Amino acid sequence: MIRNWNAGEIISELQKIYFATTDPRMDGYTTWACKQDLYRVQFALERMLKNCPTYAPEDQWLEEQQLERDKAQVWRTLNDKV
């Protein structure tokens, strides 16, 4: 199988939607439509992940990812207080 996608690019596209959703210069009608797009992606991802097989190192990898997210959250919290 050829992996002809790039997770970084997918995330970048989702960040565009996020920035549009949180743009304070936009009206609620527009930003709500953007947030709906994020929900559509979330629902699709949840459905896809539910139907994927489980792999041996998956739990460990997910724990590592959660630890990294937690560390990043701590840094964001600390930086917000500075």
C-alpha atoms as a PDB file:
ATOM      1  CA  MET A   1       0.000   0.000   0.000  1.00  0.00           C
ATOM      2  CA  ILE A   2       1.187   3.476  -0.812  1.00  0.00           C
ATOM      3  CA  ARG A   3       0.436   6.042   1.869  1.00  0.00           C
ATOM      4  CA  ASN A   4      -0.459   8.945  -0.385  1.00  0.00           C
ATOM      5  CA  TRP A   5      -1.621  11.259   2.377  1.00  0.00           C
ATOM      6  CA  ASN A   6       0.172  13.347   4.946  1.00  0.00           C
ATOM      7  CA  ALA A   7      -1.176  13.558   8.499  1.00  0.00           C
ATOM      8  CA  GLY A   8       0.498  16.941   8.977  1.00  0.00           C
ATOM      9  CA  GLU A   9      -1.346  18.345   5.971  1.00  0.00           C
ATOM     10  CA  ILE A  10      -4.647  16.925   7.208  1.00  0.00           C
ATOM     11  CA  ILE A  11      -4.080  18.523  10.608  1.00  0.00           C
ATOM     12  CA  SER A  12      -3.139  21.782   8.898  1.00  0.00           C
ATOM     13  CA  GLU A  13      -6.429  21.766   6.997  1.00  0.00           C
ATOM     14  CA  LEU A  14      -8.328  21.110  10.220  1.00  0.00           C
ATOM     15  CA  GLN A  15      -6.485  23.999  11.880  1.00  0.00           C
ATOM     16  CA  LYS A  16      -7.749  26.278   9.108  1.00  0.00           C
ATOM     17  CA  ILE A  17     -11.292  25.302  10.051  1.00  0.00           C
ATOM     18  CA  TYR A  18     -10.493  25.830  13.743  1.00  0.00           C
ATOM     19  CA  PHE A  19      -9.081  29.307  13.113  1.00  0.00           C
ATOM     20  CA  ALA A  20     -12.139  30.206  11.041  1.00  0.00           C
ATOM     21  CA  THR A  21     -14.392  28.904  13.830  1.00  0.00           C
ATOM     22  CA  THR A  22     -12.646  30.998  16.477  1.00  0.00           C
ATOM     23  CA  ASP A  23     -12.208  34.158  14.384  1.00  0.00           C
ATOM     24  CA  PRO A  24     -13.700  36.970  16.496  1.00  0.00           C
ATOM     25  CA  ARG A  25     -14.341  39.061  13.378  1.00  0.00           C
ATOM     26  CA  MET A  26     -16.745  36.502  11.932  1.00  0.00           C
ATOM     27  CA  ASP A  27     -20.423  36.183  12.713  1.00  0.00           C
ATOM     28  CA  GLY A  28     -21.939  33.229  14.540  1.00  0.00           C
ATOM     29  CA  TYR A  29     -23.723  31.977  11.448  1.00  0.00           C
ATOM     30  CA  THR A  30     -20.407  31.494   9.650  1.00  0.00           C
ATOM     31  CA  THR A  31     -18.437  30.159  12.602  1.00  0.00           C
ATOM     32  CA  TRP A  32     -21.186  27.693  13.511  1.00  0.00           C
ATOM     33  CA  ALA A  33     -20.966  26.186  10.017  1.00  0.00           C
ATOM     34  CA  CYS A  34     -17.205  25.830  10.498  1.00  0.00           C
ATOM     35  CA  LYS A  35     -17.673  24.114  13.847  1.00  0.00           C
ATOM     36  CA  GLN A  36     -20.176  21.742  12.229  1.00  0.00           C
ATOM     37  CA  ASP A  37     -17.443  20.747   9.775  1.00  0.00           C
ATOM     38  CA  LEU A  38     -15.153  19.910  12.706  1.00  0.00           C
ATOM     39  CA  TYR A  39     -17.923  17.787  14.235  1.00  0.00           C
ATOM     40  CA  ARG A  40     -18.410  15.967  10.905  1.00  0.00           C
ATOM     41  CA  VAL A  41     -14.711  15.106  10.862  1.00  0.00           C
ATOM     42  CA  GLN A  42     -14.854  13.990  14.507  1.00  0.00           C
ATOM     43  CA  PHE A  43     -17.838  11.718  13.869  1.00  0.00           C
ATOM     44  CA  ALA A  44     -16.201  10.220  10.777  1.00  0.00           C
ATOM     45  CA  LEU A  45     -12.931   9.598  12.641  1.00  0.00           C
ATOM     46  CA  GLU A  46     -14.718   7.991  15.579  1.00  0.00           C
ATOM     47  CA  ARG A  47     -16.593   5.681  13.199  1.00  0.00           C
ATOM     48  CA  MET A  48     -13.413   4.763  11.321  1.00  0.00           C
ATOM     49  CA  LEU A  49     -11.354   4.130  14.465  1.00  0.00           C
ATOM     50  CA  LYS A  50     -14.124   1.967  15.914  1.00  0.00           C
ATOM     51  CA  ASN A  51     -13.950  -0.256  12.833  1.00  0.00           C
ATOM     52  CA  CYS A  52     -10.135  -0.518  12.747  1.00  0.00           C
ATOM     53  CA  PRO A  53      -8.327  -3.530  14.191  1.00  0.00           C
ATOM     54  CA  THR A  54      -6.468  -3.221  17.488  1.00  0.00           C
ATOM     55  CA  TYR A  55      -2.684  -3.566  17.380  1.00  0.00           C
ATOM     56  CA  ALA A  56      -0.334  -4.920  20.044  1.00  0.00           C
ATOM     57  CA  PRO A  57       1.585  -1.664  20.707  1.00  0.00           C
ATOM     58  CA  GLU A  58      -1.528   0.501  20.428  1.00  0.00           C
ATOM     59  CA  ASP A  59      -2.258   0.959  24.143  1.00  0.00           C
ATOM     60  CA  GLN A  60       1.326   1.928  24.912  1.00  0.00           C
ATOM     61  CA  TRP A  61       1.439   4.366  21.983  1.00  0.00           C
ATOM     62  CA  LEU A  62      -1.836   5.970  23.067  1.00  0.00           C
ATOM     63  CA  GLU A  63      -0.525   6.356  26.624  1.00  0.00           C
ATOM     64  CA  GLU A  64       2.619   8.043  25.278  1.00  0.00           C
ATOM     65  CA  GLN A  65       0.518  10.386  23.154  1.00  0.00           C
ATOM     66  CA  GLN A  66      -1.671  11.258  26.141  1.00  0.00           C
ATOM     67  CA  LEU A  67       1.428  11.995  28.225  1.00  0.00           C
ATOM     68  CA  GLU A  68       2.724  14.333  25.507  1.00  0.00           C
ATOM     69  CA  ARG A  69      -0.660  16.100  25.308  1.00  0.00           C
ATOM     70  CA  ASP A  70      -0.701  16.468  29.095  1.00  0.00           C
ATOM     71  CA  LYS A  71       2.807  17.950  29.088  1.00  0.00           C
ATOM     72  CA  ALA A  72       1.843  20.383  26.336  1.00  0.00           C
ATOM     73  CA  GLN A  73      -1.238  21.417  28.304  1.00  0.00           C
ATOM     74  CA  VAL A  74       0.856  22.108  31.401  1.00  0.00           C
ATOM     75  CA  TRP A  75       3.221  24.298  29.357  1.00  0.00           C
ATOM     76  CA  ARG A  76       0.296  26.186  27.809  1.00  0.00           C
ATOM     77  CA  THR A  77      -1.189  26.758  31.264  1.00  0.00           C
ATOM     78  CA  LEU A  78       2.128  27.972  32.654  1.00  0.00           C
ATOM     79  CA  ASN A  79       2.748  30.256  29.680  1.00  0.00           C
ATOM     80  CA  ASP A  80      -0.731  31.744  29.980  1.00  0.00           C
ATOM     81  CA  LYS A  81       0.060  32.792  33.557  1.00  0.00           C
ATOM     82  CA  VAL A  82       3.265  34.608  32.569  1.00  0.00           C
END
